[in-house]
C-alpha atoms as a PDB file:
ATOM      1  CA  SER A   1      19.427  84.674 118.421  1.00  0.00           C
ATOM      2  CA  ILE A   2      21.022  86.760 121.150  1.00  0.00           C
ATOM      3  CA  SER A   3      18.510  88.305 123.491  1.00  0.00           C
ATOM      4  CA  PRO A   4      19.663  91.473 125.277  1.00  0.00           C
ATOM      5  CA  MET A   5      17.243  90.636 128.095  1.00  0.00           C
ATOM      6  CA  ASN A   6      18.782  87.169 128.597  1.00  0.00           C
ATOM      7  CA  LEU A   7      22.304  88.593 128.505  1.00  0.00           C
ATOM      8  CA  ARG A   8      21.296  91.182 131.086  1.00  0.00           C
ATOM      9  CA  LYS A   9      19.854  88.526 133.399  1.00  0.00           C
ATOM     10  CA  LYS A  10      23.160  86.647 133.195  1.00  0.00           C
ATOM     11  CA  GLY A  11      25.124  89.785 134.084  1.00  0.00           C
ATOM     12  CA  ARG A  12      26.760  90.054 130.686  1.00  0.00           C
ATOM     13  CA  CYS A  13      25.756  93.614 129.870  1.00  0.00           C
ATOM     14  CA  PRO A  14      27.441  96.741 131.195  1.00  0.00           C
ATOM     15  CA  LEU A  15      25.585  99.022 133.570  1.00  0.00           C
ATOM     16  CA  THR A  16      23.407 101.715 132.074  1.00  0.00           C
ATOM     17  CA  PRO A  17      24.543 105.280 132.797  1.00  0.00           C
ATOM     18  CA  GLU A  18      21.729 105.600 135.367  1.00  0.00           C
ATOM     19  CA  GLU A  19      22.783 102.368 137.094  1.00  0.00           C
ATOM     20  CA  ALA A  20      26.411 103.510 137.118  1.00  0.00           C
ATOM     21  CA  ALA A  21      25.367 106.780 138.801  1.00  0.00           C
ATOM     22  CA  LEU A  22      23.436 104.850 141.447  1.00  0.00           C
ATOM     23  CA  VAL A  23      26.441 102.607 142.114  1.00  0.00           C
ATOM     24  CA  LEU A  24      28.737 105.634 142.494  1.00  0.00           C
ATOM     25  CA  ALA A  25      26.234 107.285 144.841  1.00  0.00           C
ATOM     26  CA  GLY A  26      25.934 104.049 146.817  1.00  0.00           C
ATOM     27  CA  LEU A  27      29.717 103.945 147.168  1.00  0.00           C
ATOM     28  CA  GLY A  28      29.641 107.446 148.641  1.00  0.00           C
ATOM     29  CA  PHE A  29      30.870 109.535 145.724  1.00  0.00           C
ATOM     30  CA  LYS A  30      29.672 113.119 146.192  1.00  0.00           C
ATOM     31  CA  GLN A  31      27.803 115.063 143.514  1.00  0.00           C
ATOM     32  CA  GLU A  32      30.825 117.390 143.154  1.00  0.00           C
ATOM     33  CA  THR A  33      33.053 114.464 142.098  1.00  0.00           C
ATOM     34  CA  TYR A  34      34.628 114.783 138.670  1.00  0.00           C
ATOM     35  CA  ILE A  35      33.947 111.684 136.584  1.00  0.00           C
ATOM     36  CA  TYR A  36      36.161 110.797 133.615  1.00  0.00           C
ATOM     37  CA  LEU A  37      33.970 109.161 130.990  1.00  0.00           C
ATOM     38  CA  ALA A  38      36.186 107.008 128.775  1.00  0.00           C
ATOM     39  CA  GLY A  39      33.489 105.956 126.311  1.00  0.00           C
ATOM     40  CA  SER A  40      32.030 109.312 125.479  1.00  0.00           C
ATOM     41  CA  HIS A  41      29.779 107.929 122.729  1.00  0.00           C
ATOM     42  CA  ILE A  42      26.957 106.303 124.661  1.00  0.00           C
ATOM     43  CA  TYR A  43      24.583 103.834 123.014  1.00  0.00           C
ATOM     44  CA  GLY A  44      21.258 105.647 122.718  1.00  0.00           C
ATOM     45  CA  GLY A  45      22.855 109.095 122.614  1.00  0.00           C
ATOM     46  CA  ASN A  46      22.976 111.936 125.096  1.00  0.00           C
ATOM     47  CA  SER A  47      19.465 111.288 126.386  1.00  0.00           C
ATOM     48  CA  ARG A  48      20.809 108.119 128.064  1.00  0.00           C
ATOM     49  CA  MET A  49      23.222 110.305 130.067  1.00  0.00           C
ATOM     50  CA  GLU A  50      20.613 112.731 131.448  1.00  0.00           C
ATOM     51  CA  ALA A  51      20.065 110.881 134.749  1.00  0.00           C
ATOM     52  CA  PHE A  52      23.814 110.421 135.203  1.00  0.00           C
ATOM     53  CA  ASN A  53      24.524 114.098 134.490  1.00  0.00           C
ATOM     54  CA  ARG A  54      21.844 115.204 136.953  1.00  0.00           C
ATOM     55  CA  LEU A  55      23.528 113.259 139.751  1.00  0.00           C
ATOM     56  CA  TYR A  56      27.119 113.864 138.583  1.00  0.00           C
ATOM     57  CA  PRO A  57      27.303 117.062 136.504  1.00  0.00           C
ATOM     58  CA  ASN A  58      31.118 117.188 136.421  1.00  0.00           C
ATOM     59  CA  VAL A  59      31.642 114.694 133.598  1.00  0.00           C
ATOM     60  CA  VAL A  60      34.937 115.005 131.721  1.00  0.00           C
ATOM     61  CA  THR A  61      35.876 113.315 128.439  1.00  0.00           C
ATOM     62  CA  LYS A  62      38.975 113.311 126.268  1.00  0.00           C
ATOM     63  CA  GLU A  63      37.114 115.767 124.039  1.00  0.00           C
ATOM     64  CA  ASN A  64      36.994 118.164 127.020  1.00  0.00           C
ATOM     65  CA  LEU A  65      40.679 117.716 127.823  1.00  0.00           C
ATOM     66  CA  LEU A  66      42.199 117.876 124.340  1.00  0.00           C
ATOM     67  CA  THR A  67      41.750 120.243 121.422  1.00  0.00           C
ATOM     68  CA  THR A  68      40.415 119.062 118.061  1.00  0.00           C
ATOM     69  CA  THR A  69      43.939 119.427 116.685  1.00  0.00           C
ATOM     70  CA  GLU A  70      45.370 117.239 119.455  1.00  0.00           C
ATOM     71  CA  LEU A  71      42.724 114.562 118.858  1.00  0.00           C
ATOM     72  CA  ALA A  72      43.008 114.596 115.046  1.00  0.00           C
ATOM     73  CA  PRO A  73      45.916 112.112 114.693  1.00  0.00           C
ATOM     74  CA  PHE A  74      43.960 109.515 116.690  1.00  0.00           C
ATOM     75  CA  ARG A  75      40.506 109.854 115.097  1.00  0.00           C
ATOM     76  CA  ASN A  76      40.818 106.967 112.623  1.00  0.00           C
ATOM     77  CA  PHE A  77      42.458 104.570 115.064  1.00  0.00           C
ATOM     78  CA  SER A  78      40.061 103.309 117.727  1.00  0.00           C
ATOM     79  CA  SER A  79      42.837 101.423 119.548  1.00  0.00           C
ATOM     80  CA  GLN A  80      44.825 104.642 119.889  1.00  0.00           C
ATOM     81  CA  VAL A  81      41.761 106.578 121.057  1.00  0.00           C
ATOM     82  CA  TRP A  82      41.265 103.855 123.678  1.00  0.00           C
ATOM     83  CA  LEU A  83      44.904 104.337 124.680  1.00  0.00           C
ATOM     84  CA  LEU A  84      44.230 108.052 125.261  1.00  0.00           C
ATOM     85  CA  ASP A  85      41.485 107.073 127.703  1.00  0.00           C
ATOM     86  CA  LEU A  86      43.853 104.668 129.436  1.00  0.00           C
ATOM     87  CA  VAL A  87      46.581 107.315 129.752  1.00  0.00           C
ATOM     88  CA  HIS A  88      44.090 109.833 131.148  1.00  0.00           C
ATOM     89  CA  LEU A  89      42.859 107.251 133.650  1.00  0.00           C
ATOM     90  CA  TRP A  90      46.438 106.471 134.708  1.00  0.00           C
ATOM     91  CA  ILE A  91      47.146 110.176 135.233  1.00  0.00           C
ATOM     92  CA  LEU A  92      43.946 110.647 137.244  1.00  0.00           C
ATOM     93  CA  ILE A  93      44.733 107.643 139.455  1.00  0.00           C
ATOM     94  CA  HIS A  94      48.144 109.082 140.215  1.00  0.00           C
ATOM     95  CA  ILE A  95      46.677 112.508 140.948  1.00  0.00           C
ATOM     96  CA  VAL A  96      44.329 110.875 143.448  1.00  0.00           C
ATOM     97  CA  LYS A  97      47.271 108.998 144.979  1.00  0.00           C
ATOM     98  CA  VAL A  98      49.240 112.228 145.354  1.00  0.00           C
ATOM     99  CA  PHE A  99      46.326 113.950 147.073  1.00  0.00           C
ATOM    100  CA  THR A 100      45.814 110.937 149.319  1.00  0.00           C
ATOM    101  CA  ILE A 101      49.476 110.650 150.242  1.00  0.00           C
ATOM    102  CA  GLN A 102      49.856 114.364 150.923  1.00  0.00           C
ATOM    103  CA  SER A 103      46.773 114.450 153.121  1.00  0.00           C
ATOM    104  CA  CYS A 104      48.015 111.686 155.437  1.00  0.00           C
ATOM    105  CA  PRO A 105      49.239 112.850 158.872  1.00  0.00           C
END
């Protein structure tokens, strides 16, 4: 049988939301940073996100960015919903690049 504890010891499990927040803080991300959360349905529910949201309250998801009507065509197609997250990430990366480039002397 597959043991979650053994997988975790081997580094084969993703970070918990709390661990992810600690990594971001350790990398110097400020509390005011906006975080795009691609997988908005967290295993264990919203209670698992409490520690993350305390440290980084500006969490954004595709559900925050798009209306229900805009999301409707994608609801039954998980690969297309994943693509929405990828497109949003691509846009955000380019926004960061623009701000970085424009702020250079």
